[in-house]
Amino acid sequence: MRREQVALSDITFYLFRGLGATATSFVAAAEADGDTARAARAVHTGVVLAACLGVAVGTLLFLGCRPLLRTLSGAAGDALLAESGGYVRVRALGMPAAMVFMVLQASFLGAREWRPPTAAAL
């Protein structure tokens, strides 16, 4: 596996890691105040935002993986561009689910519920 494949997929995901931290913070603050309605709104907003961003980023990666990979690898990577593109496209298809899962896991942790994210990770 070439490092450009992993870098392109991971960099785009890591750009949005703040969504998880923000979800944890908002849910924890609402739970600390005893406001379950506000906590539910925070989770809903985070999930919708993560899904929309996941679709947008996944679409960008899926459709633009060849030029993006060419930018990362230069002319030396042209020989493996077809295989690299396939890898990035498969990762792009999972981007919406990965982002939603990240926000849900962070929201559960903000609510001090460790069982659902642990079960999902297993």
PDB file of N, CA and C in Angstrom:
ATOM      1  N   MET A   1       0.855  -1.173   0.000  1.00  0.00           N
ATOM      2  CA  MET A   1       0.000   0.000   0.000  1.00  0.00           C
ATOM      3  C   MET A   1       0.899   1.234   0.000  1.00  0.00           C
ATOM      4  N   ARG A   2       0.575   2.149  -0.826  1.00  0.00           N
ATOM      5  CA  ARG A   2       1.374   3.377  -0.920  1.00  0.00           C
ATOM      6  C   ARG A   2       0.937   4.371   0.141  1.00  0.00           C
ATOM      7  N   ARG A   3       1.873   5.152   0.623  1.00  0.00           N
ATOM      8  CA  ARG A   3       1.563   6.118   1.680  1.00  0.00           C
ATOM      9  C   ARG A   3       0.625   7.207   1.199  1.00  0.00           C
ATOM     10  N   GLU A   4       0.624   7.506  -0.112  1.00  0.00           N
ATOM     11  CA  GLU A   4      -0.271   8.539  -0.637  1.00  0.00           C
ATOM     12  C   GLU A   4      -1.731   8.121  -0.488  1.00  0.00           C
ATOM     13  N   GLN A   5      -1.996   6.829  -0.662  1.00  0.00           N
ATOM     14  CA  GLN A   5      -3.366   6.326  -0.513  1.00  0.00           C
ATOM     15  C   GLN A   5      -3.869   6.587   0.894  1.00  0.00           C
ATOM     16  N   VAL A   6      -3.063   6.193   1.851  1.00  0.00           N
ATOM     17  CA  VAL A   6      -3.447   6.340   3.251  1.00  0.00           C
ATOM     18  C   VAL A   6      -3.506   7.812   3.630  1.00  0.00           C
ATOM     19  N   ALA A   7      -2.535   8.581   3.174  1.00  0.00           N
ATOM     20  CA  ALA A   7      -2.482   9.999   3.523  1.00  0.00           C
ATOM     21  C   ALA A   7      -3.712  10.727   3.017  1.00  0.00           C
ATOM     22  N   LEU A   8      -4.092  10.505   1.784  1.00  0.00           N
ATOM     23  CA  LEU A   8      -5.246  11.198   1.220  1.00  0.00           C
ATOM     24  C   LEU A   8      -6.523  10.844   1.959  1.00  0.00           C
ATOM     25  N   SER A   9      -6.708   9.583   2.267  1.00  0.00           N
ATOM     26  CA  SER A   9      -7.906   9.159   2.984  1.00  0.00           C
ATOM     27  C   SER A   9      -7.920   9.667   4.418  1.00  0.00           C
ATOM     28  N   ASP A  10      -6.796   9.558   5.091  1.00  0.00           N
ATOM     29  CA  ASP A  10      -6.731   9.927   6.505  1.00  0.00           C
ATOM     30  C   ASP A  10      -6.752  11.437   6.735  1.00  0.00           C
ATOM     31  N   ILE A  11      -6.045  12.174   5.900  1.00  0.00           N
ATOM     32  CA  ILE A  11      -5.995  13.626   6.069  1.00  0.00           C
ATOM     33  C   ILE A  11      -7.397  14.217   5.976  1.00  0.00           C
ATOM     34  N   THR A  12      -8.158  13.767   5.010  1.00  0.00           N
ATOM     35  CA  THR A  12      -9.500  14.320   4.847  1.00  0.00           C
ATOM     36  C   THR A  12     -10.392  13.983   6.037  1.00  0.00           C
ATOM     37  N   PHE A  13     -10.207  12.803   6.627  1.00  0.00           N
ATOM     38  CA  PHE A  13     -10.992  12.444   7.807  1.00  0.00           C
ATOM     39  C   PHE A  13     -10.543  13.238   9.025  1.00  0.00           C
ATOM     40  N   TYR A  14      -9.226  13.363   9.201  1.00  0.00           N
ATOM     41  CA  TYR A  14      -8.692  14.048  10.378  1.00  0.00           C
ATOM     42  C   TYR A  14      -9.019  15.533  10.390  1.00  0.00           C
ATOM     43  N   LEU A  15      -9.270  16.106   9.242  1.00  0.00           N
ATOM     44  CA  LEU A  15      -9.657  17.516   9.196  1.00  0.00           C
ATOM     45  C   LEU A  15     -10.935  17.785   9.987  1.00  0.00           C
ATOM     46  N   PHE A  16     -11.758  16.772  10.138  1.00  0.00           N
ATOM     47  CA  PHE A  16     -13.053  16.937  10.792  1.00  0.00           C
ATOM     48  C   PHE A  16     -13.124  16.270  12.163  1.00  0.00           C
ATOM     49  N   ARG A  17     -11.986  15.940  12.745  1.00  0.00           N
ATOM     50  CA  ARG A  17     -11.971  15.313  14.077  1.00  0.00           C
ATOM     51  C   ARG A  17     -12.553  16.232  15.136  1.00  0.00           C
ATOM     52  N   GLY A  18     -12.541  17.521  14.882  1.00  0.00           N
ATOM     53  CA  GLY A  18     -13.119  18.479  15.822  1.00  0.00           C
ATOM     54  C   GLY A  18     -14.603  18.283  16.037  1.00  0.00           C
ATOM     55  N   LEU A  19     -15.273  17.648  15.079  1.00  0.00           N
ATOM     56  CA  LEU A  19     -16.707  17.373  15.263  1.00  0.00           C
ATOM     57  C   LEU A  19     -16.943  16.481  16.474  1.00  0.00           C
ATOM     58  N   GLY A  20     -16.102  15.490  16.650  1.00  0.00           N
ATOM     59  CA  GLY A  20     -16.244  14.589  17.787  1.00  0.00           C
ATOM     60  C   GLY A  20     -15.995  15.301  19.106  1.00  0.00           C
ATOM     61  N   ALA A  21     -14.948  16.114  19.154  1.00  0.00           N
ATOM     62  CA  ALA A  21     -14.648  16.850  20.378  1.00  0.00           C
ATOM     63  C   ALA A  21     -15.763  17.836  20.718  1.00  0.00           C
ATOM     64  N   THR A  22     -16.293  18.478  19.700  1.00  0.00           N
ATOM     65  CA  THR A  22     -17.381  19.428  19.923  1.00  0.00           C
ATOM     66  C   THR A  22     -18.636  18.711  20.401  1.00  0.00           C
ATOM     67  N   ALA A  23     -18.928  17.570  19.818  1.00  0.00           N
ATOM     68  CA  ALA A  23     -20.106  16.807  20.246  1.00  0.00           C
ATOM     69  C   ALA A  23     -19.962  16.380  21.701  1.00  0.00           C
ATOM     70  N   THR A  24     -18.784  15.895  22.069  1.00  0.00           N
ATOM     71  CA  THR A  24     -18.552  15.510  23.462  1.00  0.00           C
ATOM     72  C   THR A  24     -18.796  16.687  24.396  1.00  0.00           C
ATOM     73  N   SER A  25     -18.254  17.829  24.043  1.00  0.00           N
ATOM     74  CA  SER A  25     -18.384  19.020  24.878  1.00  0.00           C
ATOM     75  C   SER A  25     -19.837  19.475  25.013  1.00  0.00           C
ATOM     76  N   PHE A  26     -20.550  19.563  23.903  1.00  0.00           N
ATOM     77  CA  PHE A  26     -21.940  20.041  23.942  1.00  0.00           C
ATOM     78  C   PHE A  26     -22.848  19.086  24.705  1.00  0.00           C
ATOM     79  N   VAL A  27     -22.681  17.794  24.468  1.00  0.00           N
ATOM     80  CA  VAL A  27     -23.523  16.810  25.151  1.00  0.00           C
ATOM     81  C   VAL A  27     -23.196  16.780  26.639  1.00  0.00           C
ATOM     82  N   ALA A  28     -21.920  16.817  26.980  1.00  0.00           N
ATOM     83  CA  ALA A  28     -21.528  16.796  28.395  1.00  0.00           C
ATOM     84  C   ALA A  28     -22.050  18.026  29.125  1.00  0.00           C
ATOM     85  N   ALA A  29     -21.985  19.199  28.495  1.00  0.00           N
ATOM     86  CA  ALA A  29     -22.487  20.428  29.126  1.00  0.00           C
ATOM     87  C   ALA A  29     -23.998  20.356  29.333  1.00  0.00           C
ATOM     88  N   ALA A  30     -24.717  19.858  28.347  1.00  0.00           N
ATOM     89  CA  ALA A  30     -26.170  19.739  28.476  1.00  0.00           C
ATOM     90  C   ALA A  30     -26.547  18.718  29.541  1.00  0.00           C
ATOM     91  N   GLU A  31     -25.839  17.591  29.567  1.00  0.00           N
ATOM     92  CA  GLU A  31     -26.111  16.568  30.581  1.00  0.00           C
ATOM     93  C   GLU A  31     -25.793  17.086  31.984  1.00  0.00           C
ATOM     94  N   ALA A  32     -24.718  17.871  32.112  1.00  0.00           N
ATOM     95  CA  ALA A  32     -24.356  18.431  33.418  1.00  0.00           C
ATOM     96  C   ALA A  32     -25.429  19.385  33.928  1.00  0.00           C
ATOM     97  N   ASP A  33     -26.092  20.083  33.002  1.00  0.00           N
ATOM     98  CA  ASP A  33     -27.183  20.992  33.375  1.00  0.00           C
ATOM     99  C   ASP A  33     -28.509  20.260  33.549  1.00  0.00           C
ATOM    100  N   GLY A  34     -28.536  18.968  33.240  1.00  0.00           N
ATOM    101  CA  GLY A  34     -29.766  18.188  33.336  1.00  0.00           C
ATOM    102  C   GLY A  34     -30.738  18.459  32.204  1.00  0.00           C
ATOM    103  N   ASP A  35     -30.261  19.032  31.127  1.00  0.00           N
ATOM    104  CA  ASP A  35     -31.106  19.397  29.986  1.00  0.00           C
ATOM    105  C   ASP A  35     -30.984  18.329  28.901  1.00  0.00           C
ATOM    106  N   THR A  36     -31.809  17.293  29.007  1.00  0.00           N
ATOM    107  CA  THR A  36     -31.727  16.195  28.046  1.00  0.00           C
ATOM    108  C   THR A  36     -32.206  16.613  26.660  1.00  0.00           C
ATOM    109  N   ALA A  37     -33.121  17.576  26.592  1.00  0.00           N
ATOM    110  CA  ALA A  37     -33.586  18.048  25.282  1.00  0.00           C
ATOM    111  C   ALA A  37     -32.445  18.736  24.538  1.00  0.00           C
ATOM    112  N   ARG A  38     -31.668  19.548  25.245  1.00  0.00           N
ATOM    113  CA  ARG A  38     -30.529  20.217  24.611  1.00  0.00           C
ATOM    114  C   ARG A  38     -29.467  19.201  24.205  1.00  0.00           C
ATOM    115  N   ALA A  39     -29.272  18.184  25.020  1.00  0.00           N
ATOM    116  CA  ALA A  39     -28.311  17.127  24.678  1.00  0.00           C
ATOM    117  C   ALA A  39     -28.762  16.394  23.415  1.00  0.00           C
ATOM    118  N   ALA A  40     -30.046  16.093  23.328  1.00  0.00           N
ATOM    119  CA  ALA A  40     -30.576  15.410  22.143  1.00  0.00           C
ATOM    120  C   ALA A  40     -30.422  16.282  20.896  1.00  0.00           C
ATOM    121  N   ARG A  41     -30.651  17.594  21.032  1.00  0.00           N
ATOM    122  CA  ARG A  41     -30.470  18.505  19.895  1.00  0.00           C
ATOM    123  C   ARG A  41     -29.005  18.548  19.463  1.00  0.00           C
ATOM    124  N   ALA A  42     -28.106  18.529  20.443  1.00  0.00           N
ATOM    125  CA  ALA A  42     -26.673  18.546  20.123  1.00  0.00           C
ATOM    126  C   ALA A  42     -26.277  17.288  19.353  1.00  0.00           C
ATOM    127  N   VAL A  43     -26.790  16.150  19.786  1.00  0.00           N
ATOM    128  CA  VAL A  43     -26.493  14.896  19.084  1.00  0.00           C
ATOM    129  C   VAL A  43     -27.078  14.937  17.679  1.00  0.00           C
ATOM    130  N   HIS A  44     -28.323  15.356  17.559  1.00  0.00           N
ATOM    131  CA  HIS A  44     -28.986  15.419  16.252  1.00  0.00           C
ATOM    132  C   HIS A  44     -28.226  16.343  15.304  1.00  0.00           C
ATOM    133  N   THR A  45     -27.877  17.522  15.782  1.00  0.00           N
ATOM    134  CA  THR A  45     -27.150  18.481  14.947  1.00  0.00           C
ATOM    135  C   THR A  45     -25.802  17.923  14.525  1.00  0.00           C
ATOM    136  N   GLY A  46     -25.098  17.299  15.464  1.00  0.00           N
ATOM    137  CA  GLY A  46     -23.799  16.714  15.148  1.00  0.00           C
ATOM    138  C   GLY A  46     -23.890  15.601  14.122  1.00  0.00           C
ATOM    139  N   VAL A  47     -24.905  14.757  14.261  1.00  0.00           N
ATOM    140  CA  VAL A  47     -25.070  13.641  13.319  1.00  0.00           C
ATOM    141  C   VAL A  47     -25.419  14.158  11.925  1.00  0.00           C
ATOM    142  N   VAL A  48     -26.324  15.124  11.857  1.00  0.00           N
ATOM    143  CA  VAL A  48     -26.696  15.680  10.550  1.00  0.00           C
ATOM    144  C   VAL A  48     -25.498  16.362   9.898  1.00  0.00           C
ATOM    145  N   LEU A  49     -24.764  17.145  10.674  1.00  0.00           N
ATOM    146  CA  LEU A  49     -23.587  17.825  10.137  1.00  0.00           C
ATOM    147  C   LEU A  49     -22.534  16.819   9.683  1.00  0.00           C
ATOM    148  N   ALA A  50     -22.299  15.794  10.488  1.00  0.00           N
ATOM    149  CA  ALA A  50     -21.317  14.765  10.126  1.00  0.00           C
ATOM    150  C   ALA A  50     -21.743  14.019   8.864  1.00  0.00           C
ATOM    151  N   ALA A  51     -23.024  13.706   8.745  1.00  0.00           N
ATOM    152  CA  ALA A  51     -23.507  13.007   7.556  1.00  0.00           C
ATOM    153  C   ALA A  51     -23.338  13.871   6.304  1.00  0.00           C
ATOM    154  N   CYS A  52     -23.708  15.144   6.411  1.00  0.00           N
ATOM    155  CA  CYS A  52     -23.576  16.042   5.255  1.00  0.00           C
ATOM    156  C   CYS A  52     -22.124  16.234   4.860  1.00  0.00           C
ATOM    157  N   LEU A  53     -21.268  16.475   5.844  1.00  0.00           N
ATOM    158  CA  LEU A  53     -19.844  16.629   5.549  1.00  0.00           C
ATOM    159  C   LEU A  53     -19.243  15.326   5.028  1.00  0.00           C
ATOM    160  N   GLY A  54     -19.681  14.202   5.577  1.00  0.00           N
ATOM    161  CA  GLY A  54     -19.188  12.910   5.109  1.00  0.00           C
ATOM    162  C   GLY A  54     -19.549  12.649   3.665  1.00  0.00           C
ATOM    163  N   VAL A  55     -20.766  13.004   3.284  1.00  0.00           N
ATOM    164  CA  VAL A  55     -21.184  12.842   1.882  1.00  0.00           C
ATOM    165  C   VAL A  55     -20.377  13.775   0.985  1.00  0.00           C
ATOM    166  N   ALA A  56     -20.202  15.031   1.417  1.00  0.00           N
ATOM    167  CA  ALA A  56     -19.458  15.996   0.606  1.00  0.00           C
ATOM    168  C   ALA A  56     -17.998  15.579   0.438  1.00  0.00           C
ATOM    169  N   VAL A  57     -17.352  15.214   1.536  1.00  0.00           N
ATOM    170  CA  VAL A  57     -15.940  14.816   1.469  1.00  0.00           C
ATOM    171  C   VAL A  57     -15.796  13.493   0.715  1.00  0.00           C
ATOM    172  N   GLY A  58     -16.700  12.561   0.975  1.00  0.00           N
ATOM    173  CA  GLY A  58     -16.654  11.289   0.264  1.00  0.00           C
ATOM    174  C   GLY A  58     -16.833  11.465  -1.236  1.00  0.00           C
ATOM    175  N   THR A  59     -17.727  12.352  -1.621  1.00  0.00           N
ATOM    176  CA  THR A  59     -17.944  12.625  -3.048  1.00  0.00           C
ATOM    177  C   THR A  59     -16.710  13.270  -3.662  1.00  0.00           C
ATOM    178  N   LEU A  60     -16.128  14.228  -2.947  1.00  0.00           N
ATOM    179  CA  LEU A  60     -14.906  14.872  -3.439  1.00  0.00           C
ATOM    180  C   LEU A  60     -13.788  13.848  -3.626  1.00  0.00           C
ATOM    181  N   LEU A  61     -13.609  12.978  -2.646  1.00  0.00           N
ATOM    182  CA  LEU A  61     -12.569  11.950  -2.760  1.00  0.00           C
ATOM    183  C   LEU A  61     -12.873  10.962  -3.882  1.00  0.00           C
ATOM    184  N   PHE A  62     -14.131  10.564  -3.982  1.00  0.00           N
ATOM    185  CA  PHE A  62     -14.505   9.569  -4.982  1.00  0.00           C
ATOM    186  C   PHE A  62     -14.298  10.101  -6.396  1.00  0.00           C
ATOM    187  N   LEU A  63     -14.748  11.327  -6.614  1.00  0.00           N
ATOM    188  CA  LEU A  63     -14.664  11.893  -7.964  1.00  0.00           C
ATOM    189  C   LEU A  63     -13.304  12.507  -8.280  1.00  0.00           C
ATOM    190  N   GLY A  64     -12.620  13.005  -7.262  1.00  0.00           N
ATOM    191  CA  GLY A  64     -11.371  13.706  -7.516  1.00  0.00           C
ATOM    192  C   GLY A  64     -10.131  12.988  -7.044  1.00  0.00           C
ATOM    193  N   CYS A  65     -10.224  11.683  -6.838  1.00  0.00           N
ATOM    194  CA  CYS A  65      -9.070  10.984  -6.264  1.00  0.00           C
ATOM    195  C   CYS A  65      -7.872  10.972  -7.202  1.00  0.00           C
ATOM    196  N   ARG A  66      -8.078  10.852  -8.481  1.00  0.00           N
ATOM    197  CA  ARG A  66      -6.927  10.793  -9.401  1.00  0.00           C
ATOM    198  C   ARG A  66      -6.107  12.087  -9.368  1.00  0.00           C
ATOM    199  N   PRO A  67      -6.723  13.264  -9.556  1.00  0.00           N
ATOM    200  CA  PRO A  67      -5.898  14.477  -9.495  1.00  0.00           C
ATOM    201  C   PRO A  67      -5.291  14.715  -8.110  1.00  0.00           C
ATOM    202  N   LEU A  68      -6.030  14.363  -7.068  1.00  0.00           N
ATOM    203  CA  LEU A  68      -5.495  14.539  -5.718  1.00  0.00           C
ATOM    204  C   LEU A  68      -4.312  13.610  -5.470  1.00  0.00           C
ATOM    205  N   LEU A  69      -4.427  12.368  -5.899  1.00  0.00           N
ATOM    206  CA  LEU A  69      -3.312  11.429  -5.745  1.00  0.00           C
ATOM    207  C   LEU A  69      -2.116  11.849  -6.588  1.00  0.00           C
ATOM    208  N   ARG A  70      -2.390  12.356  -7.783  1.00  0.00           N
ATOM    209  CA  ARG A  70      -1.296  12.803  -8.648  1.00  0.00           C
ATOM    210  C   ARG A  70      -0.562  13.980  -7.996  1.00  0.00           C
ATOM    211  N   THR A  71      -1.313  14.837  -7.302  1.00  0.00           N
ATOM    212  CA  THR A  71      -0.692  15.961  -6.602  1.00  0.00           C
ATOM    213  C   THR A  71       0.200  15.469  -5.474  1.00  0.00           C
ATOM    214  N   LEU A  72      -0.257  14.458  -4.751  1.00  0.00           N
ATOM    215  CA  LEU A  72       0.527  13.930  -3.634  1.00  0.00           C
ATOM    216  C   LEU A  72       1.744  13.131  -4.079  1.00  0.00           C
ATOM    217  N   SER A  73       1.612  12.360  -5.159  1.00  0.00           N
ATOM    218  CA  SER A  73       2.689  11.438  -5.534  1.00  0.00           C
ATOM    219  C   SER A  73       3.548  11.933  -6.688  1.00  0.00           C
ATOM    220  N   GLY A  74       3.068  12.881  -7.448  1.00  0.00           N
ATOM    221  CA  GLY A  74       3.828  13.350  -8.599  1.00  0.00           C
ATOM    222  C   GLY A  74       3.793  12.346  -9.730  1.00  0.00           C
ATOM    223  N   ALA A  75       4.667  12.534 -10.680  1.00  0.00           N
ATOM    224  CA  ALA A  75       4.697  11.668 -11.864  1.00  0.00           C
ATOM    225  C   ALA A  75       5.114  10.251 -11.527  1.00  0.00           C
ATOM    226  N   ALA A  76       5.837  10.077 -10.434  1.00  0.00           N
ATOM    227  CA  ALA A  76       6.304   8.739 -10.055  1.00  0.00           C
ATOM    228  C   ALA A  76       5.147   7.811  -9.699  1.00  0.00           C
ATOM    229  N   GLY A  77       4.027   8.356  -9.294  1.00  0.00           N
ATOM    230  CA  GLY A  77       2.907   7.532  -8.884  1.00  0.00           C
ATOM    231  C   GLY A  77       1.947   7.157  -9.989  1.00  0.00           C
ATOM    232  N   ASP A  78       2.209   7.589 -11.221  1.00  0.00           N
ATOM    233  CA  ASP A  78       1.292   7.312 -12.328  1.00  0.00           C
ATOM    234  C   ASP A  78       1.101   5.823 -12.578  1.00  0.00           C
ATOM    235  N   ALA A  79       2.128   5.033 -12.352  1.00  0.00           N
ATOM    236  CA  ALA A  79       2.039   3.591 -12.612  1.00  0.00           C
ATOM    237  C   ALA A  79       1.038   2.915 -11.684  1.00  0.00           C
ATOM    238  N   LEU A  80       0.884   3.409 -10.478  1.00  0.00           N
ATOM    239  CA  LEU A  80      -0.017   2.789  -9.512  1.00  0.00           C
ATOM    240  C   LEU A  80      -1.304   3.577  -9.311  1.00  0.00           C
ATOM    241  N   LEU A  81      -1.568   4.539 -10.186  1.00  0.00           N
ATOM    242  CA  LEU A  81      -2.718   5.413 -10.011  1.00  0.00           C
ATOM    243  C   LEU A  81      -4.046   4.660 -10.034  1.00  0.00           C
ATOM    244  N   ALA A  82      -4.185   3.658 -10.873  1.00  0.00           N
ATOM    245  CA  ALA A  82      -5.441   2.903 -10.938  1.00  0.00           C
ATOM    246  C   ALA A  82      -5.706   2.169  -9.635  1.00  0.00           C
ATOM    247  N   GLU A  83      -4.691   1.511  -9.099  1.00  0.00           N
ATOM    248  CA  GLU A  83      -4.861   0.790  -7.843  1.00  0.00           C
ATOM    249  C   GLU A  83      -5.066   1.749  -6.681  1.00  0.00           C
ATOM    250  N   SER A  84      -4.312   2.826  -6.669  1.00  0.00           N
ATOM    251  CA  SER A  84      -4.462   3.821  -5.607  1.00  0.00           C
ATOM    252  C   SER A  84      -5.839   4.446  -5.642  1.00  0.00           C
ATOM    253  N   GLY A  85      -6.316   4.743  -6.843  1.00  0.00           N
ATOM    254  CA  GLY A  85      -7.650   5.322  -6.990  1.00  0.00           C
ATOM    255  C   GLY A  85      -8.734   4.399  -6.472  1.00  0.00           C
ATOM    256  N   GLY A  86      -8.585   3.112  -6.719  1.00  0.00           N
ATOM    257  CA  GLY A  86      -9.561   2.142  -6.216  1.00  0.00           C
ATOM    258  C   GLY A  86      -9.606   2.110  -4.698  1.00  0.00           C
ATOM    259  N   TYR A  87      -8.433   2.145  -4.086  1.00  0.00           N
ATOM    260  CA  TYR A  87      -8.362   2.145  -2.623  1.00  0.00           C
ATOM    261  C   TYR A  87      -9.032   3.387  -2.046  1.00  0.00           C
ATOM    262  N   VAL A  88      -8.702   4.553  -2.595  1.00  0.00           N
ATOM    263  CA  VAL A  88      -9.262   5.802  -2.088  1.00  0.00           C
ATOM    264  C   VAL A  88     -10.771   5.848  -2.315  1.00  0.00           C
ATOM    265  N   ARG A  89     -11.233   5.334  -3.431  1.00  0.00           N
ATOM    266  CA  ARG A  89     -12.679   5.327  -3.701  1.00  0.00           C
ATOM    267  C   ARG A  89     -13.431   4.444  -2.702  1.00  0.00           C
ATOM    268  N   VAL A  90     -12.876   3.316  -2.363  1.00  0.00           N
ATOM    269  CA  VAL A  90     -13.523   2.454  -1.365  1.00  0.00           C
ATOM    270  C   VAL A  90     -13.579   3.163  -0.019  1.00  0.00           C
ATOM    271  N   ARG A  91     -12.488   3.809   0.371  1.00  0.00           N
ATOM    272  CA  ARG A  91     -12.478   4.567   1.620  1.00  0.00           C
ATOM    273  C   ARG A  91     -13.465   5.728   1.558  1.00  0.00           C
ATOM    274  N   ALA A  92     -13.609   6.348   0.396  1.00  0.00           N
ATOM    275  CA  ALA A  92     -14.529   7.481   0.241  1.00  0.00           C
ATOM    276  C   ALA A  92     -15.977   7.045   0.450  1.00  0.00           C
ATOM    277  N   LEU A  93     -16.310   5.840   0.023  1.00  0.00           N
ATOM    278  CA  LEU A  93     -17.677   5.346   0.210  1.00  0.00           C
ATOM    279  C   LEU A  93     -18.033   5.206   1.680  1.00  0.00           C
ATOM    280  N   GLY A  94     -17.050   4.937   2.520  1.00  0.00           N
ATOM    281  CA  GLY A  94     -17.297   4.780   3.946  1.00  0.00           C
ATOM    282  C   GLY A  94     -17.190   6.066   4.747  1.00  0.00           C
ATOM    283  N   MET A  95     -16.837   7.168   4.102  1.00  0.00           N
ATOM    284  CA  MET A  95     -16.624   8.418   4.813  1.00  0.00           C
ATOM    285  C   MET A  95     -17.859   8.908   5.565  1.00  0.00           C
ATOM    286  N   PRO A  96     -19.072   8.899   4.974  1.00  0.00           N
ATOM    287  CA  PRO A  96     -20.236   9.358   5.750  1.00  0.00           C
ATOM    288  C   PRO A  96     -20.462   8.523   7.010  1.00  0.00           C
ATOM    289  N   ALA A  97     -20.363   7.218   6.895  1.00  0.00           N
ATOM    290  CA  ALA A  97     -20.570   6.358   8.063  1.00  0.00           C
ATOM    291  C   ALA A  97     -19.484   6.586   9.106  1.00  0.00           C
ATOM    292  N   ALA A  98     -18.249   6.772   8.683  1.00  0.00           N
ATOM    293  CA  ALA A  98     -17.157   6.997   9.627  1.00  0.00           C
ATOM    294  C   ALA A  98     -17.365   8.293  10.404  1.00  0.00           C
ATOM    295  N   MET A  99     -17.800   9.331   9.730  1.00  0.00           N
ATOM    296  CA  MET A  99     -18.007  10.611  10.412  1.00  0.00           C
ATOM    297  C   MET A  99     -19.203  10.548  11.362  1.00  0.00           C
ATOM    298  N   VAL A 100     -20.268   9.918  10.937  1.00  0.00           N
ATOM    299  CA  VAL A 100     -21.436   9.779  11.814  1.00  0.00           C
ATOM    300  C   VAL A 100     -21.079   8.946  13.034  1.00  0.00           C
ATOM    301  N   PHE A 101     -20.357   7.857  12.831  1.00  0.00           N
ATOM    302  CA  PHE A 101     -19.951   7.016  13.949  1.00  0.00           C
ATOM    303  C   PHE A 101     -19.063   7.790  14.924  1.00  0.00           C
ATOM    304  N   MET A 102     -18.176   8.623  14.389  1.00  0.00           N
ATOM    305  CA  MET A 102     -17.307   9.421  15.251  1.00  0.00           C
ATOM    306  C   MET A 102     -18.130  10.350  16.147  1.00  0.00           C
ATOM    307  N   VAL A 103     -19.131  11.008  15.584  1.00  0.00           N
ATOM    308  CA  VAL A 103     -19.962  11.925  16.366  1.00  0.00           C
ATOM    309  C   VAL A 103     -20.823  11.168  17.366  1.00  0.00           C
ATOM    310  N   LEU A 104     -21.369  10.037  16.964  1.00  0.00           N
ATOM    311  CA  LEU A 104     -22.183   9.247  17.891  1.00  0.00           C
ATOM    312  C   LEU A 104     -21.342   8.724  19.049  1.00  0.00           C
ATOM    313  N   GLN A 105     -20.162   8.235  18.754  1.00  0.00           N
ATOM    314  CA  GLN A 105     -19.284   7.741  19.814  1.00  0.00           C
ATOM    315  C   GLN A 105     -18.936   8.868  20.780  1.00  0.00           C
ATOM    316  N   ALA A 106     -18.607  10.026  20.258  1.00  0.00           N
ATOM    317  CA  ALA A 106     -18.272  11.176  21.102  1.00  0.00           C
ATOM    318  C   ALA A 106     -19.475  11.617  21.925  1.00  0.00           C
ATOM    319  N   SER A 107     -20.658  11.557  21.343  1.00  0.00           N
ATOM    320  CA  SER A 107     -21.869  11.952  22.066  1.00  0.00           C
ATOM    321  C   SER A 107     -22.164  11.002  23.220  1.00  0.00           C
ATOM    322  N   PHE A 108     -22.001   9.711  22.978  1.00  0.00           N
ATOM    323  CA  PHE A 108     -22.188   8.743  24.062  1.00  0.00           C
ATOM    324  C   PHE A 108     -21.191   8.982  25.186  1.00  0.00           C
ATOM    325  N   LEU A 109     -19.966   9.254  24.828  1.00  0.00           N
ATOM    326  CA  LEU A 109     -18.950   9.497  25.846  1.00  0.00           C
ATOM    327  C   LEU A 109     -19.252  10.786  26.612  1.00  0.00           C
ATOM    328  N   GLY A 110     -19.779  11.799  25.929  1.00  0.00           N
ATOM    329  CA  GLY A 110     -20.171  13.035  26.601  1.00  0.00           C
ATOM    330  C   GLY A 110     -21.307  12.819  27.573  1.00  0.00           C
ATOM    331  N   ALA A 111     -22.150  11.842  27.290  1.00  0.00           N
ATOM    332  CA  ALA A 111     -23.275  11.516  28.170  1.00  0.00           C
ATOM    333  C   ALA A 111     -22.878  10.476  29.228  1.00  0.00           C
ATOM    334  N   ARG A 112     -21.607  10.138  29.284  1.00  0.00           N
ATOM    335  CA  ARG A 112     -21.066   9.148  30.220  1.00  0.00           C
ATOM    336  C   ARG A 112     -21.678   7.771  30.012  1.00  0.00           C
ATOM    337  N   GLU A 113     -21.967   7.460  28.777  1.00  0.00           N
ATOM    338  CA  GLU A 113     -22.455   6.130  28.398  1.00  0.00           C
ATOM    339  C   GLU A 113     -21.334   5.434  27.645  1.00  0.00           C
ATOM    340  N   TRP A 114     -20.641   4.542  28.290  1.00  0.00           N
ATOM    341  CA  TRP A 114     -19.496   3.894  27.665  1.00  0.00           C
ATOM    342  C   TRP A 114     -19.863   2.582  26.974  1.00  0.00           C
ATOM    343  N   ARG A 115     -20.989   2.002  27.305  1.00  0.00           N
ATOM    344  CA  ARG A 115     -21.321   0.682  26.759  1.00  0.00           C
ATOM    345  C   ARG A 115     -21.591   0.692  25.244  1.00  0.00           C
ATOM    346  N   PRO A 116     -22.439   1.589  24.713  1.00  0.00           N
ATOM    347  CA  PRO A 116     -22.701   1.537  23.266  1.00  0.00           C
ATOM    348  C   PRO A 116     -21.461   1.742  22.404  1.00  0.00           C
ATOM    349  N   PRO A 117     -20.586   2.754  22.680  1.00  0.00           N
ATOM    350  CA  PRO A 117     -19.408   2.874  21.819  1.00  0.00           C
ATOM    351  C   PRO A 117     -18.441   1.700  21.971  1.00  0.00           C
ATOM    352  N   THR A 118     -18.365   1.138  23.151  1.00  0.00           N
ATOM    353  CA  THR A 118     -17.485  -0.010  23.347  1.00  0.00           C
ATOM    354  C   THR A 118     -18.008  -1.214  22.567  1.00  0.00           C
ATOM    355  N   ALA A 119     -19.309  -1.447  22.640  1.00  0.00           N
ATOM    356  CA  ALA A 119     -19.900  -2.562  21.897  1.00  0.00           C
ATOM    357  C   ALA A 119     -19.739  -2.365  20.392  1.00  0.00           C
ATOM    358  N   ALA A 120     -19.907  -1.134  19.941  1.00  0.00           N
ATOM    359  CA  ALA A 120     -19.770  -0.861  18.505  1.00  0.00           C
ATOM    360  C   ALA A 120     -18.328  -1.059  18.039  1.00  0.00           C
ATOM    361  N   ALA A 121     -17.379  -0.669  18.870  1.00  0.00           N
ATOM    362  CA  ALA A 121     -15.978  -0.829  18.512  1.00  0.00           C
ATOM    363  C   ALA A 121     -15.577  -2.300  18.474  1.00  0.00           C
ATOM    364  N   LEU A 122     -16.154  -3.080  19.362  1.00  0.00           N
ATOM    365  CA  LEU A 122     -15.836  -4.512  19.364  1.00  0.00           C
ATOM    366  C   LEU A 122     -16.428  -5.195  18.152  1.00  0.00           C
TER     367      LEU A 122
END
